[in-house]
Amino acid sequence: MKAFVLILVLFSLFPVVSHAEVLATVNDKQITSEEVDGRARQRMIKILSQMYDIKRDVIEDMIDQHLLEEAAKKEGKKLVTLRKEIMNKVATVTEAEAQAFYQMQKNRFKGKGFEEVKNDLVAQITAQKRQMALNNYLDDLRKNAKIKVNLERPRVEVSTDDDPSKGPKGAPITIVEFSEYQCPFCKRARPTIDRILKDYEGKVHYVFRDFPLSFHKQAKDAANAAHCAGDQGKYWEYSEMLWASQGKHSTEKLKSIGQDLKLNQEQFEKCMSSNKYYAEIDKDQRQGSSYGVSGTPAYFINGMFLSGAQPFEAFKELIDEELNK
């Protein structure tokens, strides 16, 4: 009887919310929470991904804390004592190390001499060494622990459309990039994408979709020209030359790239002047916005969002997770 009363109390405190809750009405049309959630999820993918990262960081911290507590218990020590022992084992920072660090980072110190910053440098390098010692200790603990993280990364269904792509379409990994040729961060990402396609050859299907930003006035015409070159089988060659000449994409320059690639120039320029691929580019941009893209470059790895010119390791983490499933 007491248990039944407790259940009733809990239900009164935390009422069950229907997934079909009506959030709005217009004339005789009801707009339900289920419909809104379905549409909003795609637009919120960036926020959901940030929430995932925060939760994952907290989980990793909690795992580290638990492993350290177990290790301290086995050694019959307090946790704070074990931490200090690990971090205090590092070698003393020599003046030569501090000098070398100073020379590498000299611009940071705004004209200050070595003697002025030596004590701060020694303290900074010592702190780095201690943190590295603790990280190495934790890495060893993790190798011998059974760890399983069930938190799932948020995903959205992202269309590859019929846009230019590399790698087999049936590959286990699909990377869709929303990007544009006038964006410096997009250009910076090219070596990373090239490395992914090389290191994961046959395992990645890479798709390039256009997302010209409004304040980059030459980006849409550059994208249109690349597709026009694609009509003659030279999309990727033209794309490479666009990256190489970033910031110089006048109409004349776009035409001259076509000449350099020995395209049928009359056909190419007719395609360019008719803005043949504007509608396709606009479609890419609309769909990108519906997935939550607001800046470039933006990537979806099997539907998982990755924003900005990230290092290779950020892609590798997601790709390896997917391949190991």
C-alpha atoms as a PDB file:
ATOM      1  CA  MET A   1       0.000   0.000   0.000  1.00  0.00           C
ATOM      2  CA  LYS A   2       2.807   2.403   0.937  1.00  0.00           C
ATOM      3  CA  ALA A   3       4.560   1.633  -2.363  1.00  0.00           C
ATOM      4  CA  PHE A   4       1.375   2.383  -4.310  1.00  0.00           C
ATOM      5  CA  VAL A   5       0.963   5.735  -2.525  1.00  0.00           C
ATOM      6  CA  LEU A   6       4.632   6.554  -3.283  1.00  0.00           C
ATOM      7  CA  ILE A   7       4.081   5.878  -6.988  1.00  0.00           C
ATOM      8  CA  LEU A   8       1.069   8.203  -7.031  1.00  0.00           C
ATOM      9  CA  VAL A   9       3.106  10.932  -5.363  1.00  0.00           C
ATOM     10  CA  LEU A  10       5.928  10.516  -7.894  1.00  0.00           C
ATOM     11  CA  PHE A  11       3.481  10.753 -10.801  1.00  0.00           C
ATOM     12  CA  SER A  12       2.044  13.956  -9.340  1.00  0.00           C
ATOM     13  CA  LEU A  13       5.541  15.443  -9.038  1.00  0.00           C
ATOM     14  CA  PHE A  14       6.796  14.273 -12.441  1.00  0.00           C
ATOM     15  CA  PRO A  15       3.813  13.991 -14.794  1.00  0.00           C
ATOM     16  CA  VAL A  16       4.253  12.036 -18.023  1.00  0.00           C
ATOM     17  CA  VAL A  17       4.457  14.421 -20.985  1.00  0.00           C
ATOM     18  CA  SER A  18       2.895  13.107 -24.175  1.00  0.00           C
ATOM     19  CA  HIS A  19       5.093  13.154 -27.248  1.00  0.00           C
ATOM     20  CA  ALA A  20       2.035  14.401 -29.125  1.00  0.00           C
ATOM     21  CA  GLU A  21       1.573  17.461 -26.931  1.00  0.00           C
ATOM     22  CA  VAL A  22      -0.041  20.265 -28.923  1.00  0.00           C
ATOM     23  CA  LEU A  23       2.343  23.229 -28.928  1.00  0.00           C
ATOM     24  CA  ALA A  24       0.340  25.470 -31.258  1.00  0.00           C
ATOM     25  CA  THR A  25      -2.768  25.593 -33.403  1.00  0.00           C
ATOM     26  CA  VAL A  26      -3.488  27.449 -36.601  1.00  0.00           C
ATOM     27  CA  ASN A  27      -7.153  27.354 -37.622  1.00  0.00           C
ATOM     28  CA  ASP A  28      -7.954  23.633 -37.348  1.00  0.00           C
ATOM     29  CA  LYS A  29      -4.315  22.489 -37.702  1.00  0.00           C
ATOM     30  CA  GLN A  30      -2.489  21.265 -34.588  1.00  0.00           C
ATOM     31  CA  ILE A  31       1.306  21.552 -34.322  1.00  0.00           C
ATOM     32  CA  THR A  32       2.565  18.870 -31.969  1.00  0.00           C
ATOM     33  CA  SER A  33       5.755  18.531 -29.984  1.00  0.00           C
ATOM     34  CA  GLU A  34       6.601  15.415 -31.981  1.00  0.00           C
ATOM     35  CA  GLU A  35       6.523  17.353 -35.273  1.00  0.00           C
ATOM     36  CA  VAL A  36       8.501  20.253 -33.825  1.00  0.00           C
ATOM     37  CA  ASP A  37      11.120  17.995 -32.250  1.00  0.00           C
ATOM     38  CA  GLY A  38      11.586  16.136 -35.534  1.00  0.00           C
ATOM     39  CA  ARG A  39      12.254  19.326 -37.478  1.00  0.00           C
ATOM     40  CA  ALA A  40      14.190  21.136 -34.757  1.00  0.00           C
ATOM     41  CA  ARG A  41      16.623  18.267 -34.204  1.00  0.00           C
ATOM     42  CA  GLN A  42      18.349  18.842 -37.530  1.00  0.00           C
ATOM     43  CA  ARG A  43      18.684  22.574 -36.958  1.00  0.00           C
ATOM     44  CA  MET A  44      19.972  21.970 -33.428  1.00  0.00           C
ATOM     45  CA  ILE A  45      22.665  19.463 -34.396  1.00  0.00           C
ATOM     46  CA  LYS A  46      25.455  21.922 -33.536  1.00  0.00           C
ATOM     47  CA  ILE A  47      24.006  22.496 -30.059  1.00  0.00           C
ATOM     48  CA  LEU A  48      23.358  18.783 -29.572  1.00  0.00           C
ATOM     49  CA  SER A  49      26.956  18.034 -30.592  1.00  0.00           C
ATOM     50  CA  GLN A  50      28.248  20.612 -28.110  1.00  0.00           C
ATOM     51  CA  MET A  51      26.092  19.034 -25.393  1.00  0.00           C
ATOM     52  CA  TYR A  52      27.512  15.643 -26.301  1.00  0.00           C
ATOM     53  CA  ASP A  53      31.086  16.967 -26.031  1.00  0.00           C
ATOM     54  CA  ILE A  54      30.389  18.445 -22.599  1.00  0.00           C
ATOM     55  CA  LYS A  55      28.800  15.228 -21.335  1.00  0.00           C
ATOM     56  CA  ARG A  56      31.611  13.127 -22.808  1.00  0.00           C
ATOM     57  CA  ASP A  57      34.243  15.304 -21.117  1.00  0.00           C
ATOM     58  CA  VAL A  58      32.444  14.889 -17.784  1.00  0.00           C
ATOM     59  CA  ILE A  59      32.251  11.107 -18.290  1.00  0.00           C
ATOM     60  CA  GLU A  60      35.970  10.901 -19.100  1.00  0.00           C
ATOM     61  CA  ASP A  61      36.805  12.975 -16.011  1.00  0.00           C
ATOM     62  CA  MET A  62      34.647  10.688 -13.870  1.00  0.00           C
ATOM     63  CA  ILE A  63      36.341   7.599 -15.332  1.00  0.00           C
ATOM     64  CA  ASP A  64      39.770   9.065 -14.558  1.00  0.00           C
ATOM     65  CA  GLN A  65      38.669   9.957 -11.039  1.00  0.00           C
ATOM     66  CA  HIS A  66      37.378   6.445 -10.386  1.00  0.00           C
ATOM     67  CA  LEU A  67      40.526   4.793 -11.740  1.00  0.00           C
ATOM     68  CA  LEU A  68      42.730   7.019  -9.573  1.00  0.00           C
ATOM     69  CA  GLU A  69      40.590   6.289  -6.512  1.00  0.00           C
ATOM     70  CA  GLU A  70      40.923   2.533  -7.151  1.00  0.00           C
ATOM     71  CA  ALA A  71      44.697   2.837  -7.620  1.00  0.00           C
ATOM     72  CA  ALA A  72      45.054   4.857  -4.422  1.00  0.00           C
ATOM     73  CA  LYS A  73      42.995   2.313  -2.490  1.00  0.00           C
ATOM     74  CA  LYS A  74      45.160  -0.568  -3.751  1.00  0.00           C
ATOM     75  CA  GLU A  75      48.302   1.246  -2.615  1.00  0.00           C
ATOM     76  CA  GLY A  76      46.741   2.183   0.719  1.00  0.00           C
ATOM     77  CA  LYS A  77      47.106   5.905   0.052  1.00  0.00           C
ATOM     78  CA  LYS A  78      44.887   8.925  -0.034  1.00  0.00           C
ATOM     79  CA  LEU A  79      43.973  10.112  -3.517  1.00  0.00           C
ATOM     80  CA  VAL A  80      45.623  13.487  -3.008  1.00  0.00           C
ATOM     81  CA  THR A  81      48.841  11.738  -1.895  1.00  0.00           C
ATOM     82  CA  LEU A  82      48.921   9.510  -4.979  1.00  0.00           C
ATOM     83  CA  ARG A  83      48.375  12.495  -7.282  1.00  0.00           C
ATOM     84  CA  LYS A  84      51.244  14.411  -5.682  1.00  0.00           C
ATOM     85  CA  GLU A  85      53.583  11.425  -5.913  1.00  0.00           C
ATOM     86  CA  ILE A  86      52.845  10.936  -9.617  1.00  0.00           C
ATOM     87  CA  MET A  87      53.227  14.596 -10.487  1.00  0.00           C
ATOM     88  CA  ASN A  88      56.318  15.179  -8.342  1.00  0.00           C
ATOM     89  CA  LYS A  89      58.295  12.390 -10.040  1.00  0.00           C
ATOM     90  CA  VAL A  90      59.074  14.586 -13.028  1.00  0.00           C
ATOM     91  CA  ALA A  91      62.618  15.786 -13.524  1.00  0.00           C
ATOM     92  CA  THR A  92      63.494  19.343 -12.553  1.00  0.00           C
ATOM     93  CA  VAL A  93      63.324  21.798 -15.434  1.00  0.00           C
ATOM     94  CA  THR A  94      66.817  22.868 -16.450  1.00  0.00           C
ATOM     95  CA  GLU A  95      67.785  26.352 -17.517  1.00  0.00           C
ATOM     96  CA  ALA A  96      68.653  24.952 -20.960  1.00  0.00           C
ATOM     97  CA  GLU A  97      65.071  23.641 -21.351  1.00  0.00           C
ATOM     98  CA  ALA A  98      63.677  27.007 -20.310  1.00  0.00           C
ATOM     99  CA  GLN A  99      66.041  28.767 -22.751  1.00  0.00           C
ATOM    100  CA  ALA A 100      64.941  26.502 -25.612  1.00  0.00           C
ATOM    101  CA  PHE A 101      61.266  27.140 -24.816  1.00  0.00           C
ATOM    102  CA  TYR A 102      61.950  30.883 -24.631  1.00  0.00           C
ATOM    103  CA  GLN A 103      63.589  30.891 -28.073  1.00  0.00           C
ATOM    104  CA  MET A 104      60.674  29.000 -29.649  1.00  0.00           C
ATOM    105  CA  GLN A 105      58.059  31.296 -28.081  1.00  0.00           C
ATOM    106  CA  LYS A 106      60.066  34.532 -28.093  1.00  0.00           C
ATOM    107  CA  ASN A 107      57.356  36.603 -29.806  1.00  0.00           C
ATOM    108  CA  ARG A 108      55.000  35.864 -26.935  1.00  0.00           C
ATOM    109  CA  PHE A 109      57.096  37.790 -24.440  1.00  0.00           C
ATOM    110  CA  LYS A 110      56.921  41.164 -26.212  1.00  0.00           C
ATOM    111  CA  GLY A 111      60.574  42.097 -25.907  1.00  0.00           C
ATOM    112  CA  LYS A 112      61.145  40.798 -22.382  1.00  0.00           C
ATOM    113  CA  GLY A 113      64.523  39.158 -21.837  1.00  0.00           C
ATOM    114  CA  PHE A 114      64.986  35.570 -20.710  1.00  0.00           C
ATOM    115  CA  GLU A 115      65.941  36.494 -17.155  1.00  0.00           C
ATOM    116  CA  GLU A 116      62.736  38.492 -16.752  1.00  0.00           C
ATOM    117  CA  VAL A 117      60.515  35.534 -17.646  1.00  0.00           C
ATOM    118  CA  LYS A 118      62.684  32.598 -16.544  1.00  0.00           C
ATOM    119  CA  ASN A 119      60.841  31.850 -13.298  1.00  0.00           C
ATOM    120  CA  ASP A 120      57.443  31.949 -15.009  1.00  0.00           C
ATOM    121  CA  LEU A 121      58.759  29.708 -17.802  1.00  0.00           C
ATOM    122  CA  VAL A 122      60.136  27.137 -15.358  1.00  0.00           C
ATOM    123  CA  ALA A 123      56.805  27.077 -13.502  1.00  0.00           C
ATOM    124  CA  GLN A 124      54.885  26.661 -16.773  1.00  0.00           C
ATOM    125  CA  ILE A 125      57.094  23.848 -18.104  1.00  0.00           C
ATOM    126  CA  THR A 126      57.008  22.083 -14.725  1.00  0.00           C
ATOM    127  CA  ALA A 127      53.200  22.216 -14.699  1.00  0.00           C
ATOM    128  CA  GLN A 128      53.108  20.776 -18.233  1.00  0.00           C
ATOM    129  CA  LYS A 129      55.463  17.944 -17.278  1.00  0.00           C
ATOM    130  CA  ARG A 130      53.425  17.110 -14.181  1.00  0.00           C
ATOM    131  CA  GLN A 131      50.181  17.013 -16.139  1.00  0.00           C
ATOM    132  CA  MET A 132      51.824  14.800 -18.770  1.00  0.00           C
ATOM    133  CA  ALA A 133      53.026  12.405 -16.037  1.00  0.00           C
ATOM    134  CA  LEU A 134      49.497  12.180 -14.661  1.00  0.00           C
ATOM    135  CA  ASN A 135      48.058  11.622 -18.147  1.00  0.00           C
ATOM    136  CA  ASN A 136      50.567   8.828 -18.826  1.00  0.00           C
ATOM    137  CA  TYR A 137      49.681   7.189 -15.501  1.00  0.00           C
ATOM    138  CA  LEU A 138      45.984   7.374 -16.374  1.00  0.00           C
ATOM    139  CA  ASP A 139      46.651   5.941 -19.856  1.00  0.00           C
ATOM    140  CA  ASP A 140      48.235   2.882 -18.204  1.00  0.00           C
ATOM    141  CA  LEU A 141      45.269   2.510 -15.844  1.00  0.00           C
ATOM    142  CA  ARG A 142      42.826   2.742 -18.760  1.00  0.00           C
ATOM    143  CA  LYS A 143      44.685   0.028 -20.711  1.00  0.00           C
ATOM    144  CA  ASN A 144      44.039  -2.433 -17.895  1.00  0.00           C
ATOM    145  CA  ALA A 145      40.453  -1.352 -17.182  1.00  0.00           C
ATOM    146  CA  LYS A 146      37.176  -2.453 -18.745  1.00  0.00           C
ATOM    147  CA  ILE A 147      35.635   0.781 -19.969  1.00  0.00           C
ATOM    148  CA  LYS A 148      32.472   1.095 -22.025  1.00  0.00           C
ATOM    149  CA  VAL A 149      30.867   4.434 -22.837  1.00  0.00           C
ATOM    150  CA  ASN A 150      27.241   4.126 -23.940  1.00  0.00           C
ATOM    151  CA  LEU A 151      26.651   7.801 -24.665  1.00  0.00           C
ATOM    152  CA  GLU A 152      25.725   8.094 -28.345  1.00  0.00           C
ATOM    153  CA  ARG A 153      26.820  10.968 -30.520  1.00  0.00           C
ATOM    154  CA  PRO A 154      23.884  12.873 -32.067  1.00  0.00           C
ATOM    155  CA  ARG A 155      23.325  12.270 -35.776  1.00  0.00           C
ATOM    156  CA  VAL A 156      21.175  13.624 -38.575  1.00  0.00           C
ATOM    157  CA  GLU A 157      20.287  12.173 -41.943  1.00  0.00           C
ATOM    158  CA  VAL A 158      22.364  14.175 -44.416  1.00  0.00           C
ATOM    159  CA  SER A 159      21.732  13.908 -48.138  1.00  0.00           C
ATOM    160  CA  THR A 160      24.722  13.474 -50.407  1.00  0.00           C
ATOM    161  CA  ASP A 161      22.528  14.681 -53.289  1.00  0.00           C
ATOM    162  CA  ASP A 162      24.369  14.105 -56.575  1.00  0.00           C
ATOM    163  CA  ASP A 163      27.270  16.365 -55.683  1.00  0.00           C
ATOM    164  CA  PRO A 164      30.929  15.740 -56.608  1.00  0.00           C
ATOM    165  CA  SER A 165      32.442  12.926 -54.581  1.00  0.00           C
ATOM    166  CA  LYS A 166      35.507  10.760 -54.124  1.00  0.00           C
ATOM    167  CA  GLY A 167      35.763   7.192 -52.877  1.00  0.00           C
ATOM    168  CA  PRO A 168      33.297   4.302 -53.186  1.00  0.00           C
ATOM    169  CA  LYS A 169      29.641   5.144 -52.552  1.00  0.00           C
ATOM    170  CA  GLY A 170      29.220   1.923 -50.580  1.00  0.00           C
ATOM    171  CA  ALA A 171      32.043   2.791 -48.155  1.00  0.00           C
ATOM    172  CA  PRO A 172      31.322   2.389 -44.410  1.00  0.00           C
ATOM    173  CA  ILE A 173      32.153   6.071 -43.819  1.00  0.00           C
ATOM    174  CA  THR A 174      30.450   8.958 -45.609  1.00  0.00           C
ATOM    175  CA  ILE A 175      31.866  12.442 -45.065  1.00  0.00           C
ATOM    176  CA  VAL A 176      29.787  15.334 -46.375  1.00  0.00           C
ATOM    177  CA  GLU A 177      31.528  18.707 -46.388  1.00  0.00           C
ATOM    178  CA  PHE A 178      29.663  22.009 -46.732  1.00  0.00           C
ATOM    179  CA  SER A 179      32.259  24.465 -47.926  1.00  0.00           C
ATOM    180  CA  GLU A 180      33.187  27.307 -50.268  1.00  0.00           C
ATOM    181  CA  TYR A 181      36.205  28.449 -52.248  1.00  0.00           C
ATOM    182  CA  GLN A 182      36.680  31.900 -50.718  1.00  0.00           C
ATOM    183  CA  CYS A 183      36.834  30.661 -47.116  1.00  0.00           C
ATOM    184  CA  PRO A 184      40.435  30.574 -45.754  1.00  0.00           C
ATOM    185  CA  PHE A 185      39.547  27.943 -43.140  1.00  0.00           C
ATOM    186  CA  CYS A 186      38.147  25.709 -45.893  1.00  0.00           C
ATOM    187  CA  LYS A 187      41.429  25.979 -47.788  1.00  0.00           C
ATOM    188  CA  ARG A 188      43.351  25.181 -44.607  1.00  0.00           C
ATOM    189  CA  ALA A 189      41.376  21.927 -44.325  1.00  0.00           C
ATOM    190  CA  ARG A 190      42.446  20.552 -47.742  1.00  0.00           C
ATOM    191  CA  PRO A 191      45.556  18.643 -46.528  1.00  0.00           C
ATOM    192  CA  THR A 192      43.450  17.013 -43.796  1.00  0.00           C
ATOM    193  CA  ILE A 193      40.836  15.816 -46.295  1.00  0.00           C
ATOM    194  CA  ASP A 194      43.577  14.550 -48.629  1.00  0.00           C
ATOM    195  CA  ARG A 195      45.167  12.618 -45.754  1.00  0.00           C
ATOM    196  CA  ILE A 196      41.823  11.062 -44.771  1.00  0.00           C
ATOM    197  CA  LEU A 197      41.217   9.860 -48.327  1.00  0.00           C
ATOM    198  CA  LYS A 198      44.738   8.420 -48.465  1.00  0.00           C
ATOM    199  CA  ASP A 199      44.848   6.786 -45.002  1.00  0.00           C
ATOM    200  CA  TYR A 200      41.311   5.395 -45.276  1.00  0.00           C
ATOM    201  CA  GLU A 201      41.375   4.558 -48.969  1.00  0.00           C
ATOM    202  CA  GLY A 202      38.350   2.480 -49.923  1.00  0.00           C
ATOM    203  CA  LYS A 203      36.656   3.124 -46.576  1.00  0.00           C
ATOM    204  CA  VAL A 204      35.500   6.714 -47.078  1.00  0.00           C
ATOM    205  CA  HIS A 205      33.019   8.253 -49.469  1.00  0.00           C
ATOM    206  CA  TYR A 206      33.692  12.004 -49.477  1.00  0.00           C
ATOM    207  CA  VAL A 207      31.112  14.475 -50.817  1.00  0.00           C
ATOM    208  CA  PHE A 208      31.672  18.206 -51.422  1.00  0.00           C
ATOM    209  CA  ARG A 209      28.562  20.395 -51.159  1.00  0.00           C
ATOM    210  CA  ASP A 210      28.489  24.144 -51.796  1.00  0.00           C
ATOM    211  CA  PHE A 211      27.765  26.645 -49.035  1.00  0.00           C
ATOM    212  CA  PRO A 212      28.898  30.093 -50.293  1.00  0.00           C
ATOM    213  CA  LEU A 213      28.736  32.640 -47.480  1.00  0.00           C
ATOM    214  CA  SER A 214      26.908  35.881 -48.300  1.00  0.00           C
ATOM    215  CA  PHE A 215      29.904  38.111 -47.512  1.00  0.00           C
ATOM    216  CA  HIS A 216      32.176  36.176 -49.877  1.00  0.00           C
ATOM    217  CA  LYS A 217      31.020  37.710 -53.140  1.00  0.00           C
ATOM    218  CA  GLN A 218      33.120  35.532 -55.478  1.00  0.00           C
ATOM    219  CA  ALA A 219      32.311  32.197 -53.821  1.00  0.00           C
ATOM    220  CA  LYS A 220      29.087  31.384 -55.679  1.00  0.00           C
ATOM    221  CA  ASP A 221      30.533  32.127 -59.113  1.00  0.00           C
ATOM    222  CA  ALA A 222      33.603  30.037 -58.272  1.00  0.00           C
ATOM    223  CA  ALA A 223      31.371  27.109 -57.277  1.00  0.00           C
ATOM    224  CA  ASN A 224      29.329  27.524 -60.464  1.00  0.00           C
ATOM    225  CA  ALA A 225      32.516  27.533 -62.568  1.00  0.00           C
ATOM    226  CA  ALA A 226      33.761  24.348 -60.887  1.00  0.00           C
ATOM    227  CA  HIS A 227      30.526  22.566 -61.781  1.00  0.00           C
ATOM    228  CA  CYS A 228      30.784  23.875 -65.343  1.00  0.00           C
ATOM    229  CA  ALA A 229      34.257  22.333 -65.512  1.00  0.00           C
ATOM    230  CA  GLY A 230      32.656  19.167 -64.134  1.00  0.00           C
ATOM    231  CA  ASP A 231      30.467  19.012 -67.242  1.00  0.00           C
ATOM    232  CA  GLN A 232      33.713  18.284 -69.088  1.00  0.00           C
ATOM    233  CA  GLY A 233      35.039  15.846 -66.485  1.00  0.00           C
ATOM    234  CA  LYS A 234      37.387  18.326 -64.803  1.00  0.00           C
ATOM    235  CA  TYR A 235      35.587  19.234 -61.571  1.00  0.00           C
ATOM    236  CA  TRP A 236      38.332  18.186 -59.149  1.00  0.00           C
ATOM    237  CA  GLU A 237      41.136  19.599 -61.297  1.00  0.00           C
ATOM    238  CA  TYR A 238      39.302  22.934 -61.466  1.00  0.00           C
ATOM    239  CA  SER A 239      38.619  22.762 -57.731  1.00  0.00           C
ATOM    240  CA  GLU A 240      42.331  22.346 -56.984  1.00  0.00           C
ATOM    241  CA  MET A 241      43.143  25.443 -59.023  1.00  0.00           C
ATOM    242  CA  LEU A 242      40.447  27.422 -57.206  1.00  0.00           C
ATOM    243  CA  TRP A 243      42.056  26.617 -53.855  1.00  0.00           C
ATOM    244  CA  ALA A 244      45.470  27.557 -55.232  1.00  0.00           C
ATOM    245  CA  SER A 245      44.190  30.944 -56.490  1.00  0.00           C
ATOM    246  CA  GLN A 246      41.919  31.749 -53.534  1.00  0.00           C
ATOM    247  CA  GLY A 247      41.084  35.454 -53.285  1.00  0.00           C
ATOM    248  CA  LYS A 248      41.567  36.058 -57.021  1.00  0.00           C
ATOM    249  CA  HIS A 249      38.351  34.644 -58.468  1.00  0.00           C
ATOM    250  CA  SER A 250      37.305  37.390 -60.854  1.00  0.00           C
ATOM    251  CA  THR A 251      35.299  36.340 -63.896  1.00  0.00           C
ATOM    252  CA  GLU A 252      38.407  36.621 -66.043  1.00  0.00           C
ATOM    253  CA  LYS A 253      40.404  34.459 -63.650  1.00  0.00           C
ATOM    254  CA  LEU A 254      37.684  31.804 -63.629  1.00  0.00           C
ATOM    255  CA  LYS A 255      37.770  31.761 -67.425  1.00  0.00           C
ATOM    256  CA  SER A 256      41.568  31.567 -67.535  1.00  0.00           C
ATOM    257  CA  ILE A 257      41.558  28.509 -65.252  1.00  0.00           C
ATOM    258  CA  GLY A 258      39.329  26.847 -67.841  1.00  0.00           C
ATOM    259  CA  GLN A 259      41.865  27.712 -70.522  1.00  0.00           C
ATOM    260  CA  ASP A 260      44.696  26.289 -68.415  1.00  0.00           C
ATOM    261  CA  LEU A 261      42.767  23.019 -68.121  1.00  0.00           C
ATOM    262  CA  LYS A 262      42.176  23.003 -71.904  1.00  0.00           C
ATOM    263  CA  LEU A 263      38.396  22.929 -71.547  1.00  0.00           C
ATOM    264  CA  ASN A 264      36.107  23.561 -74.505  1.00  0.00           C
ATOM    265  CA  GLN A 265      36.156  27.272 -73.727  1.00  0.00           C
ATOM    266  CA  GLU A 266      33.024  28.229 -75.627  1.00  0.00           C
ATOM    267  CA  GLN A 267      30.964  25.582 -73.835  1.00  0.00           C
ATOM    268  CA  PHE A 268      32.558  26.431 -70.494  1.00  0.00           C
ATOM    269  CA  GLU A 269      31.972  30.194 -70.731  1.00  0.00           C
ATOM    270  CA  LYS A 270      28.390  29.678 -71.898  1.00  0.00           C
ATOM    271  CA  CYS A 271      27.780  27.530 -68.827  1.00  0.00           C
ATOM    272  CA  MET A 272      29.387  30.148 -66.594  1.00  0.00           C
ATOM    273  CA  SER A 273      27.492  33.141 -68.006  1.00  0.00           C
ATOM    274  CA  SER A 274      24.129  31.337 -67.757  1.00  0.00           C
ATOM    275  CA  ASN A 275      24.711  30.627 -64.045  1.00  0.00           C
ATOM    276  CA  LYS A 276      23.713  27.067 -64.867  1.00  0.00           C
ATOM    277  CA  TYR A 277      24.436  25.684 -61.392  1.00  0.00           C
ATOM    278  CA  TYR A 278      23.077  28.517 -59.251  1.00  0.00           C
ATOM    279  CA  ALA A 279      19.906  26.555 -58.457  1.00  0.00           C
ATOM    280  CA  GLU A 280      21.962  23.516 -57.440  1.00  0.00           C
ATOM    281  CA  ILE A 281      24.202  25.664 -55.226  1.00  0.00           C
ATOM    282  CA  ASP A 282      21.143  27.287 -53.625  1.00  0.00           C
ATOM    283  CA  LYS A 283      19.737  23.827 -52.911  1.00  0.00           C
ATOM    284  CA  ASP A 284      22.975  22.780 -51.207  1.00  0.00           C
ATOM    285  CA  GLN A 285      22.835  25.905 -49.080  1.00  0.00           C
ATOM    286  CA  ARG A 286      19.176  25.410 -48.096  1.00  0.00           C
ATOM    287  CA  GLN A 287      19.793  21.816 -47.119  1.00  0.00           C
ATOM    288  CA  GLY A 288      22.962  22.725 -45.242  1.00  0.00           C
ATOM    289  CA  SER A 289      21.049  25.349 -43.260  1.00  0.00           C
ATOM    290  CA  SER A 290      18.350  22.788 -42.458  1.00  0.00           C
ATOM    291  CA  TYR A 291      21.089  20.580 -40.939  1.00  0.00           C
ATOM    292  CA  GLY A 292      22.291  23.430 -38.734  1.00  0.00           C
ATOM    293  CA  VAL A 293      25.194  24.636 -40.883  1.00  0.00           C
ATOM    294  CA  SER A 294      25.862  28.345 -40.397  1.00  0.00           C
ATOM    295  CA  GLY A 295      29.586  28.595 -41.207  1.00  0.00           C
ATOM    296  CA  THR A 296      32.242  26.832 -43.231  1.00  0.00           C
ATOM    297  CA  PRO A 297      33.707  24.342 -43.338  1.00  0.00           C
ATOM    298  CA  ALA A 298      31.135  22.044 -41.742  1.00  0.00           C
ATOM    299  CA  TYR A 299      31.362  18.246 -41.860  1.00  0.00           C
ATOM    300  CA  PHE A 300      29.000  15.360 -41.271  1.00  0.00           C
ATOM    301  CA  ILE A 301      30.708  12.021 -40.660  1.00  0.00           C
ATOM    302  CA  ASN A 302      28.012   9.366 -40.962  1.00  0.00           C
ATOM    303  CA  GLY A 303      25.653  12.125 -39.870  1.00  0.00           C
ATOM    304  CA  MET A 304      27.783  13.284 -36.913  1.00  0.00           C
ATOM    305  CA  PHE A 305      28.530  16.999 -36.983  1.00  0.00           C
ATOM    306  CA  LEU A 306      32.067  18.370 -36.918  1.00  0.00           C
ATOM    307  CA  SER A 307      32.507  22.124 -37.249  1.00  0.00           C
ATOM    308  CA  GLY A 308      35.454  24.078 -38.593  1.00  0.00           C
ATOM    309  CA  ALA A 309      38.930  23.281 -39.927  1.00  0.00           C
ATOM    310  CA  GLN A 310      39.566  20.512 -37.423  1.00  0.00           C
ATOM    311  CA  PRO A 311      42.875  18.610 -37.189  1.00  0.00           C
ATOM    312  CA  PHE A 312      43.204  15.143 -38.671  1.00  0.00           C
ATOM    313  CA  GLU A 313      42.968  13.585 -35.184  1.00  0.00           C
ATOM    314  CA  ALA A 314      39.412  14.921 -34.706  1.00  0.00           C
ATOM    315  CA  PHE A 315      38.282  13.146 -37.891  1.00  0.00           C
ATOM    316  CA  LYS A 316      40.278  10.033 -37.032  1.00  0.00           C
ATOM    317  CA  GLU A 317      38.539   9.676 -33.657  1.00  0.00           C
ATOM    318  CA  LEU A 318      35.074   9.643 -35.245  1.00  0.00           C
ATOM    319  CA  ILE A 319      36.069   7.493 -38.234  1.00  0.00           C
ATOM    320  CA  ASP A 320      37.783   4.873 -36.063  1.00  0.00           C
ATOM    321  CA  GLU A 321      34.794   4.756 -33.707  1.00  0.00           C
ATOM    322  CA  GLU A 322      32.519   4.062 -36.670  1.00  0.00           C
ATOM    323  CA  LEU A 323      34.825   1.445 -38.213  1.00  0.00           C
ATOM    324  CA  ASN A 324      35.177  -0.377 -34.888  1.00  0.00           C
ATOM    325  CA  LYS A 325      31.424  -0.744 -34.399  1.00  0.00           C
END
